[in-house]
């Protein structure tokens, strides 16, 4: 019985140590989530203005000429690229598995033939997942900051747009988990390249920043010069917004996972403590019985 009590006490101490770790990680994840949410709110003001400008350009027919910008190159689709955003680490609950499951379903629906697509992976989990399954991972980026800065995205956007201009692929979709609230997230797959009316149609229908136009723009110095500046900013805003959104969903999932782990540890400690108290009570009862029996033997 003493050995059993010792084992239970050892499990209690071990579980308490684990609980301290998960509770600390929950606090860290919560702090990261609060910080990135503040940054995301400020960024929304910028991205809404960029989207409004491009939507207005689309409505005024400045995007009709595919020769104005290399990002508008609307050519026959021979190869499709999917930019899949995952985390670099674990302990984020079902975040990675959810993104990869939905991304795979989206990819198979659009391009059933593996030779017709490639994956551009942002995050080590996604890169390793697709590499182990023999998928063509044409580009990978690891080590995205917990609260990513805008300059981090420039390298990704530069590489992606260069590959598009060099006709490595003909269209690009960004696949990630969109942060809904601290409890839930939702998978999104958005077309980023080429930038054309098809790409803008969904945003133009949903974004209230871009009001319908009845007149065309007069641009200086030229339509081409304006688009050469605005469209790269639009592409950067799409990728950075997706990464920021995905990181927010990742931190929310990590917060929930660590809270769940802490709660489970509390429940396990309570159960083990009950077992310990019962075992200790049984041991004390046995000792009292033995002492009483010995005393009665001496008296006789």
Protein backbone atom coordinates (compact mmCIF):
# COMPACT_ATOMS: atom_id res chain seq x y z
CA UNK A 1 0.00 0.00 0.00
CA UNK A 2 2.87 2.38 0.84
CA UNK A 3 4.41 1.79 -2.59
CA UNK A 4 1.06 2.51 -4.25
CA UNK A 5 0.76 5.77 -2.34
CA UNK A 6 4.29 6.69 -3.39
CA UNK A 7 3.46 6.05 -7.07
CA UNK A 8 0.31 8.15 -6.90
CA UNK A 9 2.18 10.99 -5.21
CA UNK A 10 4.87 10.85 -7.92
CA UNK A 11 2.19 11.09 -10.64
CA UNK A 12 0.60 14.05 -8.85
CA UNK A 13 3.92 15.90 -8.70
CA UNK A 14 4.64 15.13 -12.35
CA UNK A 15 1.22 16.32 -13.47
CA UNK A 16 1.56 19.53 -11.42
CA UNK A 17 4.89 20.24 -13.14
CA UNK A 18 3.28 19.69 -16.55
CA UNK A 19 0.40 21.95 -15.59
CA UNK A 20 2.81 24.74 -14.72
CA UNK A 21 4.32 24.47 -18.20
CA UNK A 22 0.98 24.46 -20.03
CA UNK A 23 -0.31 27.35 -17.91
CA UNK A 24 2.81 29.38 -18.73
CA UNK A 25 2.48 28.56 -22.43
CA UNK A 26 -1.18 29.60 -22.29
CA UNK A 27 -0.17 32.98 -20.90
CA UNK A 28 2.49 33.42 -23.61
CA UNK A 29 0.07 32.47 -26.40
CA UNK A 30 -2.55 34.83 -25.02
CA UNK A 31 -0.04 37.69 -24.96
CA UNK A 32 0.97 36.96 -28.57
CA UNK A 33 -2.66 36.80 -29.63
CA UNK A 34 -3.47 40.15 -28.01
CA UNK A 35 -0.44 41.76 -29.64
CA UNK A 36 -1.11 40.44 -33.15
CA UNK A 37 -4.80 41.38 -32.92
CA UNK A 38 -3.82 44.99 -32.22
CA UNK A 39 -1.48 44.96 -35.21
CA UNK A 40 -4.13 43.36 -37.42
CA UNK A 41 -6.64 46.10 -36.56
CA UNK A 42 -4.19 48.80 -37.63
CA UNK A 43 -3.28 46.93 -40.80
CA UNK A 44 -6.91 46.61 -41.86
CA UNK A 45 -7.05 50.38 -42.38
CA UNK A 46 -4.15 50.19 -44.80
CA UNK A 47 -5.27 47.11 -46.72
CA UNK A 48 -8.82 48.42 -47.10
CA UNK A 49 -7.47 51.56 -48.79
CA UNK A 50 -5.22 49.57 -51.13
CA UNK A 51 -8.09 47.26 -52.04
CA UNK A 52 -10.38 50.25 -52.59
CA UNK A 53 -7.92 51.81 -55.03
CA UNK A 54 -7.49 48.58 -57.01
CA UNK A 55 -11.24 47.96 -57.00
CA UNK A 56 -11.83 51.45 -58.35
CA UNK A 57 -9.22 50.85 -61.03
CA UNK A 58 -11.01 47.65 -61.94
CA UNK A 59 -14.38 49.39 -62.09
CA UNK A 60 -12.94 52.16 -64.26
CA UNK A 61 -11.58 49.52 -66.69
CA UNK A 62 -7.90 50.31 -66.13
CA UNK A 63 -7.32 46.59 -65.47
CA UNK A 64 -8.79 45.60 -68.81
CA UNK A 65 -5.45 46.02 -70.57
CA UNK A 66 -3.35 42.98 -69.60
CA UNK A 67 -0.19 44.66 -70.86
CA UNK A 68 -0.26 47.39 -68.21
CA UNK A 69 1.45 45.26 -65.55
CA UNK A 70 3.26 41.93 -65.50
CA UNK A 71 1.00 40.87 -62.61
CA UNK A 72 -1.97 41.06 -64.98
CA UNK A 73 -0.58 38.50 -67.39
CA UNK A 74 -3.67 36.44 -68.15
CA UNK A 75 -2.33 33.43 -70.04
CA UNK A 76 -3.55 29.84 -70.49
CA UNK A 77 -3.23 27.97 -67.20
CA UNK A 78 -0.74 25.14 -67.55
CA UNK A 79 0.52 25.11 -63.96
CA UNK A 80 -1.22 26.27 -60.77
CA UNK A 81 0.59 27.21 -57.57
CA UNK A 82 -0.86 27.01 -54.06
CA UNK A 83 0.70 29.13 -51.31
CA UNK A 84 -0.15 27.11 -48.17
CA UNK A 85 0.40 28.84 -44.82
CA UNK A 86 1.01 26.69 -41.72
CA UNK A 87 2.98 27.04 -38.49
CA UNK A 88 6.63 26.16 -37.87
CA UNK A 89 5.92 24.41 -34.58
CA UNK A 90 3.49 22.12 -32.86
CA UNK A 91 1.32 22.52 -29.76
CA UNK A 92 -1.24 24.54 -31.72
CA UNK A 93 -4.13 22.10 -31.45
CA UNK A 94 -5.76 21.08 -34.72
CA UNK A 95 -4.58 24.22 -36.54
CA UNK A 96 -2.09 22.58 -38.94
CA UNK A 97 -4.12 19.45 -39.61
CA UNK A 98 -7.17 21.58 -40.38
CA UNK A 99 -5.30 23.81 -42.86
CA UNK A 100 -3.65 20.88 -44.63
CA UNK A 101 -6.86 18.83 -44.81
CA UNK A 102 -8.87 21.66 -46.35
CA UNK A 103 -6.03 22.77 -48.62
CA UNK A 104 -5.65 19.22 -49.96
CA UNK A 105 -9.38 19.02 -50.65
CA UNK A 106 -9.28 22.36 -52.47
CA UNK A 107 -6.22 21.34 -54.50
CA UNK A 108 -7.67 17.98 -55.51
CA UNK A 109 -10.92 19.61 -56.56
CA UNK A 110 -9.22 22.18 -58.79
CA UNK A 111 -6.21 20.22 -60.07
CA UNK A 112 -6.62 16.44 -59.71
CA UNK A 113 -3.43 15.77 -61.70
CA UNK A 114 -0.32 16.23 -59.46
CA UNK A 115 1.69 17.30 -62.53
CA UNK A 116 -0.52 20.36 -62.96
CA UNK A 117 0.28 22.09 -59.68
CA UNK A 118 3.02 22.98 -57.21
CA UNK A 119 3.06 24.06 -53.58
CA UNK A 120 4.69 27.16 -52.14
CA UNK A 121 4.94 26.52 -48.40
CA UNK A 122 5.07 29.22 -45.73
CA UNK A 123 5.73 27.35 -42.49
CA UNK A 124 7.81 24.26 -41.76
CA UNK A 125 4.86 21.99 -40.97
CA UNK A 126 3.34 22.39 -44.42
CA UNK A 127 6.71 22.14 -46.19
CA UNK A 128 7.58 18.87 -44.43
CA UNK A 129 4.07 17.49 -44.96
CA UNK A 130 4.13 17.94 -48.73
CA UNK A 131 7.76 16.89 -49.13
CA UNK A 132 7.12 13.59 -47.35
CA UNK A 133 4.26 12.92 -49.76
CA UNK A 134 6.26 13.60 -52.89
CA UNK A 135 4.47 16.84 -53.79
CA UNK A 136 6.40 19.41 -55.81
CA UNK A 137 7.36 22.05 -53.21
CA UNK A 138 8.82 24.77 -55.42
CA UNK A 139 9.43 27.26 -52.59
CA UNK A 140 9.41 27.23 -48.81
CA UNK A 141 9.77 29.93 -46.19
CA UNK A 142 10.37 29.05 -42.54
CA UNK A 143 10.70 31.13 -39.43
CA UNK A 144 7.87 33.63 -39.79
CA UNK A 145 7.81 35.81 -36.68
CA UNK A 146 5.10 35.35 -34.06
CA UNK A 147 3.97 38.88 -34.90
CA UNK A 148 5.22 39.25 -38.49
CA UNK A 149 6.36 42.61 -39.82
CA UNK A 150 5.49 43.86 -43.28
CA UNK A 151 9.11 43.69 -44.47
CA UNK A 152 9.15 39.92 -43.90
CA UNK A 153 6.58 39.51 -46.65
CA UNK A 154 8.55 41.40 -49.27
CA UNK A 155 10.94 38.49 -49.80
CA UNK A 156 8.02 36.09 -50.24
CA UNK A 157 6.16 38.41 -52.62
CA UNK A 158 9.31 39.12 -54.65
CA UNK A 159 10.01 35.40 -55.08
CA UNK A 160 6.40 34.56 -55.93
CA UNK A 161 5.97 37.38 -58.46
CA UNK A 162 9.31 36.54 -60.10
CA UNK A 163 8.21 32.91 -60.50
CA UNK A 164 4.92 34.11 -61.99
CA UNK A 165 6.64 36.50 -64.40
CA UNK A 166 9.04 33.72 -65.45
CA UNK A 167 6.00 31.51 -66.15
CA UNK A 168 6.97 28.92 -63.54
CA UNK A 169 3.22 28.89 -62.82
CA UNK A 170 0.27 30.67 -64.39
CA UNK A 171 -2.03 31.32 -61.43
CA UNK A 172 -1.63 31.45 -57.65
CA UNK A 173 -4.01 30.69 -54.78
CA UNK A 174 -3.28 31.53 -51.12
CA UNK A 175 -4.59 28.85 -48.71
CA UNK A 176 -4.78 29.56 -44.97
CA UNK A 177 -6.99 29.56 -41.89
CA UNK A 178 -8.90 32.81 -41.42
CA UNK A 179 -9.27 34.02 -37.82
CA UNK A 180 -12.96 34.35 -36.95
CA UNK A 181 -12.71 34.68 -33.16
CA UNK A 182 -10.77 33.16 -30.28
CA UNK A 183 -12.79 29.97 -30.51
CA UNK A 184 -13.00 29.26 -34.23
CA UNK A 185 -11.26 29.80 -37.56
CA UNK A 186 -12.32 29.16 -41.16
CA UNK A 187 -10.34 27.93 -44.17
CA UNK A 188 -9.85 30.35 -47.03
CA UNK A 189 -8.43 29.95 -50.53
CA UNK A 190 -7.99 33.26 -52.36
CA UNK A 191 -6.72 33.84 -55.88
CA UNK A 192 -3.81 36.29 -55.84
CA UNK A 193 -2.31 36.10 -59.33
CA UNK A 194 -2.94 37.17 -61.99
CA UNK A 195 -4.60 40.40 -60.87
CA UNK A 196 -7.66 40.76 -63.08
CA UNK A 197 -11.38 41.34 -62.84
CA UNK A 198 -11.95 37.72 -61.85
CA UNK A 199 -9.53 38.16 -58.93
CA UNK A 200 -11.26 41.36 -57.85
CA UNK A 201 -14.88 40.27 -58.28
CA UNK A 202 -15.35 38.76 -54.80
CA UNK A 203 -13.66 41.66 -53.01
CA UNK A 204 -15.56 44.23 -55.05
CA UNK A 205 -18.85 42.58 -54.09
CA UNK A 206 -18.05 42.40 -50.36
CA UNK A 207 -15.89 45.45 -49.64
CA UNK A 208 -17.83 48.57 -48.73
CA UNK A 209 -14.80 50.83 -49.20
CA UNK A 210 -15.16 50.74 -52.97
CA UNK A 211 -18.32 52.50 -54.08
CA UNK A 212 -19.63 52.02 -57.62
CA UNK A 213 -18.13 54.40 -60.18
CA UNK A 214 -19.91 56.13 -63.02
CA UNK A 215 -16.84 57.88 -64.48
CA UNK A 216 -13.37 56.86 -65.55
CA UNK A 217 -10.06 57.93 -64.00
CA UNK A 218 -7.61 60.44 -65.44
CA UNK A 219 -4.16 59.26 -64.35
CA UNK A 220 -0.73 60.89 -64.22
CA UNK A 221 1.82 60.24 -65.49
CA UNK A 222 0.07 57.24 -67.15
CA UNK A 223 -2.13 54.24 -66.49
CA UNK A 224 0.89 51.95 -66.75
CA UNK A 225 2.91 53.94 -64.20
CA UNK A 226 0.06 53.90 -61.68
CA UNK A 227 -0.51 50.17 -62.04
CA UNK A 228 3.21 49.40 -61.78
CA UNK A 229 3.11 50.94 -58.27
CA UNK A 230 -0.35 49.96 -57.04
CA UNK A 231 -0.53 46.31 -58.14
CA UNK A 232 2.67 45.19 -56.33
CA UNK A 233 1.35 46.90 -53.20
CA UNK A 234 -1.91 45.05 -53.68
CA UNK A 235 -0.09 41.71 -54.01
CA UNK A 236 1.96 42.48 -50.90
CA UNK A 237 -1.17 43.39 -48.96
CA UNK A 238 -2.87 40.11 -49.93
CA UNK A 239 0.07 37.94 -48.86
CA UNK A 240 0.86 39.90 -45.70
CA UNK A 241 -2.82 40.02 -44.75
CA UNK A 242 -3.11 36.25 -45.22
CA UNK A 243 0.02 35.58 -43.13
CA UNK A 244 -1.12 37.99 -40.40
CA UNK A 245 -4.58 36.42 -40.40
CA UNK A 246 -3.14 32.89 -40.33
CA UNK A 247 -0.77 33.77 -37.46
CA UNK A 248 -3.69 35.18 -35.49
CA UNK A 249 -5.62 31.94 -35.99
CA UNK A 250 -2.49 29.98 -35.00
CA UNK A 251 -2.07 31.88 -31.71
CA UNK A 252 -5.78 31.48 -30.94
CA UNK A 253 -5.51 27.73 -31.55
CA UNK A 254 -2.40 27.53 -29.38
CA UNK A 255 -4.16 29.47 -26.60
CA UNK A 256 -7.13 27.10 -26.71
CA UNK A 257 -4.89 24.02 -26.81
CA UNK A 258 -2.84 25.11 -23.80
CA UNK A 259 -5.99 26.08 -21.87
CA UNK A 260 -7.45 22.65 -22.62
CA UNK A 261 -4.22 20.95 -21.54
CA UNK A 262 -4.19 22.95 -18.29
CA UNK A 263 -7.82 22.06 -17.57
CA UNK A 264 -7.12 18.38 -18.25
CA UNK A 265 -4.15 18.52 -15.90
CA UNK A 266 -6.36 20.02 -13.18
CA UNK A 267 -8.90 17.23 -13.64
CA UNK A 268 -6.16 14.57 -13.53
CA UNK A 269 -4.62 16.08 -10.40
CA UNK A 270 -8.02 16.10 -8.68
CA UNK A 271 -8.59 12.44 -9.61
CA UNK A 272 -5.12 11.40 -8.46
CA UNK A 273 -5.51 13.36 -5.25
CA UNK A 274 -8.74 11.48 -4.55
CA UNK A 275 -6.98 8.16 -5.15
CA UNK A 276 -4.13 9.28 -2.88
CA UNK A 277 -6.51 10.30 -0.07
CA UNK A 278 -8.38 7.00 -0.29
CA UNK A 279 -5.15 5.00 -0.32
CA UNK A 280 -3.80 7.01 2.60
CA UNK A 281 -7.03 6.55 4.53
CA UNK A 282 -6.94 2.81 3.91
CA UNK A 283 -3.32 2.68 5.06
CA UNK A 284 -4.10 4.60 8.27
CA UNK A 285 -7.09 2.35 8.96
CA UNK A 286 -4.91 -0.72 8.52
CA UNK A 287 -2.26 0.69 10.86
CA UNK A 288 -4.85 1.52 13.55
CA UNK A 289 -6.31 -1.97 13.26
CA UNK A 290 -2.88 -3.54 13.67
CA UNK A 291 -2.07 -1.36 16.69
CA UNK A 292 -5.41 -2.14 18.31
CA UNK A 293 -4.96 -5.84 17.68
CA UNK A 294 -1.47 -5.80 19.17
CA UNK A 295 -2.67 -3.92 22.24
CA UNK A 296 -5.43 -6.44 22.82
CA UNK A 297 -2.93 -9.30 22.49
CA UNK A 298 -0.70 -7.69 25.16
CA UNK A 299 -3.62 -7.21 27.48
CA UNK A 300 -4.56 -10.87 27.19
